[in-house]
Amino acid sequence: MNSERGNILLSIARAEISRVLDVPCAADETASWLAEHGACFVTLTQSGELRGCIGSLQAHRPLLADLKSNAVSAALRDPRFTPLTIDELDITTVEVSLLSESQEMQVRGEADALAQLRPHVDGVIFEYGHYRSTFLPQVWENLARPRDFLAMLRRKAGLPDDFWAEDVKLSRYTVTKWSESEKQLKEPLADRPGEQTTLAKSPVMAGQPKEQRHG
């Protein structure tokens, strides 16, 4: 069932990107679970390099609508890249990450935060005043040490790598990920037998639950 869902999500994301680029492409959108609220990220890569990544941190609309919107935004509206072109469509790999609800981390300081982070499991949301950023769990592949992961997360938010303050807020979530390049389900480690999952509360980024974020 999970593998089937992944194939459906990937085909819809690719079809929606193709549609906005005027390339005919059909996908089955009839599955009933697509009408349920869900939050996802759509990541585009070319030869393993990031080409676009946009998503929602909070489920605020039907998953089908969230997926389509984020797919188009990843292709055309990620401010870090120029819009995807028709010529790039065939060399672009689509990945869809379905997010769990997130949980605020109770930390007593930076050292405690670093000790609590779970490499290759946690997606992390950093918040301090109006500064906000997030990294999907996939980012651990390039930043394997918690200290480096947190440093780059702060830099992404627009703060110094070593910044810390008492009212810093960290939240974490897991993802279930499907990629056209893998053709198989990537289960969050915390959900595998023998592991514990401690995810619950979902925060609002920048006070706007509908706001999209790049990963």
Protein backbone atom coordinates (compact mmCIF):
# COMPACT_ATOMS: atom_id res chain seq x y z
CA MET A 1 0.00 0.00 0.00
CA ASN A 2 2.76 2.48 0.89
CA SER A 3 4.65 1.74 -2.31
CA GLU A 4 1.45 2.19 -4.30
CA ARG A 5 0.82 5.53 -2.62
CA GLY A 6 4.33 6.64 -3.45
CA ASN A 7 3.86 5.81 -7.11
CA ILE A 8 0.60 7.77 -7.18
CA LEU A 9 2.13 10.82 -5.51
CA LEU A 10 5.16 10.81 -7.81
CA SER A 11 3.06 10.46 -10.95
CA ILE A 12 0.76 13.33 -9.90
CA ALA A 13 3.72 15.60 -9.09
CA ARG A 14 5.37 14.90 -12.44
CA ALA A 15 2.10 15.31 -14.33
CA GLU A 16 1.44 18.68 -12.69
CA ILE A 17 4.94 19.95 -13.51
CA SER A 18 4.54 18.71 -17.07
CA ARG A 19 1.16 20.43 -17.35
CA VAL A 20 2.51 23.87 -16.45
CA LEU A 21 5.29 23.35 -19.00
CA ASP A 22 2.66 22.51 -21.67
CA VAL A 23 3.69 18.87 -21.92
CA PRO A 24 0.66 16.51 -21.90
CA CYS A 25 0.87 14.02 -19.03
CA ALA A 26 -1.93 12.23 -17.18
CA ALA A 27 -2.03 10.84 -13.64
CA ASP A 28 -4.64 9.02 -11.60
CA GLU A 29 -6.07 11.39 -8.97
CA THR A 30 -9.02 9.23 -7.87
CA ALA A 31 -7.60 7.73 -4.64
CA SER A 32 -9.84 8.74 -1.74
CA TRP A 33 -6.92 9.42 0.64
CA LEU A 34 -5.77 12.29 -1.58
CA ALA A 35 -8.74 14.28 -0.25
CA GLU A 36 -7.45 14.05 3.31
CA HIS A 37 -5.42 16.95 4.67
CA GLY A 38 -1.68 16.41 4.40
CA ALA A 39 1.63 18.26 4.24
CA CYS A 40 4.36 17.41 1.76
CA PHE A 41 7.56 18.65 0.17
CA VAL A 42 8.43 18.19 -3.50
CA THR A 43 12.15 18.02 -4.27
CA LEU A 44 13.64 18.16 -7.77
CA THR A 45 17.17 17.01 -8.53
CA GLN A 46 19.37 16.68 -11.60
CA SER A 47 22.29 14.24 -11.46
CA GLY A 48 21.99 14.26 -7.68
CA GLU A 49 22.11 18.06 -7.41
CA LEU A 50 19.22 20.07 -6.01
CA ARG A 51 17.10 21.86 -8.62
CA GLY A 52 14.16 22.95 -6.47
CA CYS A 53 12.44 22.12 -3.19
CA ILE A 54 9.22 23.62 -1.88
CA GLY A 55 6.75 22.29 0.64
CA SER A 56 4.34 22.76 3.52
CA LEU A 57 5.17 22.15 7.17
CA GLN A 58 1.58 22.00 8.33
CA ALA A 59 -1.36 20.13 6.84
CA HIS A 60 -3.82 22.89 5.93
CA ARG A 61 -5.48 21.59 2.75
CA PRO A 62 -6.19 18.31 0.93
CA LEU A 63 -3.02 16.41 0.10
CA LEU A 64 -3.81 16.47 -3.63
CA ALA A 65 -3.95 20.27 -3.63
CA ASP A 66 -0.84 20.54 -1.48
CA LEU A 67 1.10 18.17 -3.73
CA LYS A 68 0.14 19.94 -6.95
CA SER A 69 0.89 23.39 -5.58
CA ASN A 70 4.26 22.38 -4.16
CA ALA A 71 5.25 20.53 -7.32
CA VAL A 72 4.65 23.62 -9.45
CA SER A 73 6.37 25.86 -6.91
CA ALA A 74 9.43 23.60 -6.74
CA ALA A 75 9.69 23.73 -10.52
CA LEU A 76 8.98 27.40 -11.10
CA ARG A 77 9.10 29.41 -7.87
CA ASP A 78 12.03 28.30 -5.74
CA PRO A 79 13.90 31.62 -5.36
CA ARG A 80 17.26 29.84 -5.38
CA PHE A 81 16.85 28.67 -8.99
CA THR A 82 15.61 29.81 -12.36
CA PRO A 83 12.29 28.26 -13.45
CA LEU A 84 12.49 24.73 -14.81
CA THR A 85 12.28 24.50 -18.60
CA ILE A 86 10.80 21.90 -20.93
CA ASP A 87 14.31 20.84 -21.96
CA GLU A 88 15.11 19.94 -18.34
CA LEU A 89 11.99 17.87 -17.71
CA ASP A 90 13.43 14.53 -18.82
CA ILE A 91 16.63 14.94 -16.79
CA THR A 92 14.85 15.98 -13.61
CA THR A 93 14.10 13.49 -10.84
CA VAL A 94 11.03 14.03 -8.67
CA GLU A 95 10.93 13.19 -4.97
CA VAL A 96 7.93 13.53 -2.65
CA SER A 97 8.23 13.68 1.14
CA LEU A 98 5.10 13.23 3.23
CA LEU A 99 5.52 14.91 6.60
CA SER A 100 4.36 13.74 9.99
CA GLU A 101 3.01 16.25 12.46
CA SER A 102 5.87 18.04 14.18
CA GLN A 103 6.69 18.23 17.87
CA GLU A 104 8.30 21.07 19.75
CA MET A 105 11.57 19.95 21.34
CA GLN A 106 12.06 20.72 25.03
CA VAL A 107 15.71 21.76 25.23
CA ARG A 108 17.76 23.29 28.04
CA GLY A 109 20.37 24.81 25.77
CA GLU A 110 22.36 24.21 22.62
CA ALA A 111 24.24 21.20 23.98
CA ASP A 112 20.96 19.57 25.00
CA ALA A 113 19.49 20.29 21.57
CA LEU A 114 22.45 18.68 19.85
CA ALA A 115 22.17 15.62 22.09
CA GLN A 116 18.48 15.20 21.27
CA LEU A 117 18.77 15.44 17.48
CA ARG A 118 18.45 12.11 15.63
CA PRO A 119 20.65 12.09 12.49
CA HIS A 120 18.93 10.77 9.35
CA VAL A 121 15.58 10.71 11.20
CA ASP A 122 14.63 14.24 12.23
CA GLY A 123 13.52 17.05 10.02
CA VAL A 124 14.09 20.19 12.09
CA ILE A 125 12.35 23.57 12.26
CA PHE A 126 14.36 26.45 13.75
CA GLU A 127 12.54 29.54 15.04
CA TYR A 128 13.82 32.67 16.76
CA GLY A 129 11.69 35.79 16.54
CA HIS A 130 11.06 36.37 12.85
CA TYR A 131 13.95 34.08 11.86
CA ARG A 132 12.78 30.68 10.61
CA SER A 133 14.18 27.78 8.62
CA THR A 134 13.81 24.05 8.16
CA PHE A 135 15.82 21.11 6.89
CA LEU A 136 14.24 17.84 5.75
CA PRO A 137 15.78 14.63 7.15
CA GLN A 138 17.43 14.12 3.75
CA VAL A 139 19.84 16.98 4.54
CA TRP A 140 21.60 14.70 7.05
CA GLU A 141 23.12 12.96 4.02
CA ASN A 142 25.30 16.04 3.51
CA LEU A 143 25.49 17.28 7.12
CA ALA A 144 25.90 14.12 9.17
CA ARG A 145 27.00 15.74 12.45
CA PRO A 146 24.32 17.42 14.60
CA ARG A 147 26.56 20.44 15.20
CA ASP A 148 27.03 21.02 11.47
CA PHE A 149 23.34 20.39 10.78
CA LEU A 150 22.24 22.96 13.35
CA ALA A 151 24.88 25.47 12.25
CA MET A 152 23.71 25.39 8.64
CA LEU A 153 20.07 25.54 9.76
CA ARG A 154 20.83 28.78 11.62
CA ARG A 155 22.71 30.14 8.62
CA LYS A 156 19.73 29.34 6.41
CA ALA A 157 17.55 31.34 8.80
CA GLY A 158 19.87 34.31 8.35
CA LEU A 159 21.72 34.04 11.67
CA PRO A 160 25.37 33.32 12.54
CA ASP A 161 26.32 29.63 12.54
CA ASP A 162 26.98 29.68 16.29
CA PHE A 163 23.94 31.72 17.33
CA TRP A 164 21.96 30.62 20.38
CA ALA A 165 19.46 32.30 22.72
CA GLU A 166 17.16 31.12 25.48
CA ASP A 167 14.02 31.64 23.41
CA VAL A 168 15.21 29.65 20.38
CA LYS A 169 12.48 27.17 19.46
CA LEU A 170 13.21 23.84 17.77
CA SER A 171 10.62 21.41 16.47
CA ARG A 172 11.10 18.12 14.68
CA TYR A 173 9.18 15.86 12.33
CA THR A 174 9.79 12.75 10.26
CA VAL A 175 9.02 12.07 6.61
CA THR A 176 8.06 9.16 4.44
CA LYS A 177 9.92 9.66 1.17
CA TRP A 178 9.46 8.35 -2.34
CA SER A 179 11.80 9.11 -5.25
CA GLU A 180 11.67 8.30 -8.93
CA SER A 181 15.35 7.37 -8.69
CA GLU A 182 14.79 4.78 -5.97
CA LYS A 183 11.41 3.26 -6.83
CA GLN A 184 10.98 2.17 -3.25
CA LEU A 185 9.60 3.47 0.02
CA LYS A 186 11.92 5.10 2.52
CA GLU A 187 10.35 4.60 5.94
CA PRO A 188 11.28 7.05 8.74
CA LEU A 189 13.68 5.28 11.08
CA ALA A 190 11.60 6.20 14.08
CA ASP A 191 8.67 4.21 12.68
CA ARG A 192 10.58 0.98 12.15
CA PRO A 193 10.11 -1.95 14.52
CA GLY A 194 12.05 -1.49 17.74
CA GLU A 195 12.23 2.30 17.40
CA GLN A 196 10.11 4.85 19.25
CA THR A 197 8.27 7.74 17.69
CA THR A 198 7.70 10.91 19.71
CA LEU A 199 6.09 13.22 17.19
CA ALA A 200 2.91 15.12 17.83
CA LYS A 201 2.32 18.88 17.72
CA SER A 202 2.43 20.83 14.44
CA PRO A 203 3.77 24.40 14.55
CA VAL A 204 2.89 27.29 12.27
CA MET A 205 5.75 28.86 10.36
CA ALA A 206 5.83 32.67 10.30
CA GLY A 207 2.28 32.69 11.64
CA GLN A 208 0.96 31.50 8.27
CA PRO A 209 0.07 27.80 8.05
CA LYS A 210 -0.34 28.12 4.29
CA GLU A 211 3.13 29.52 3.75
CA GLN A 212 5.49 27.38 1.71
CA ARG A 213 9.09 26.71 2.67
CA HIS A 214 12.03 25.42 0.73
CA GLY A 215 13.99 22.50 2.17
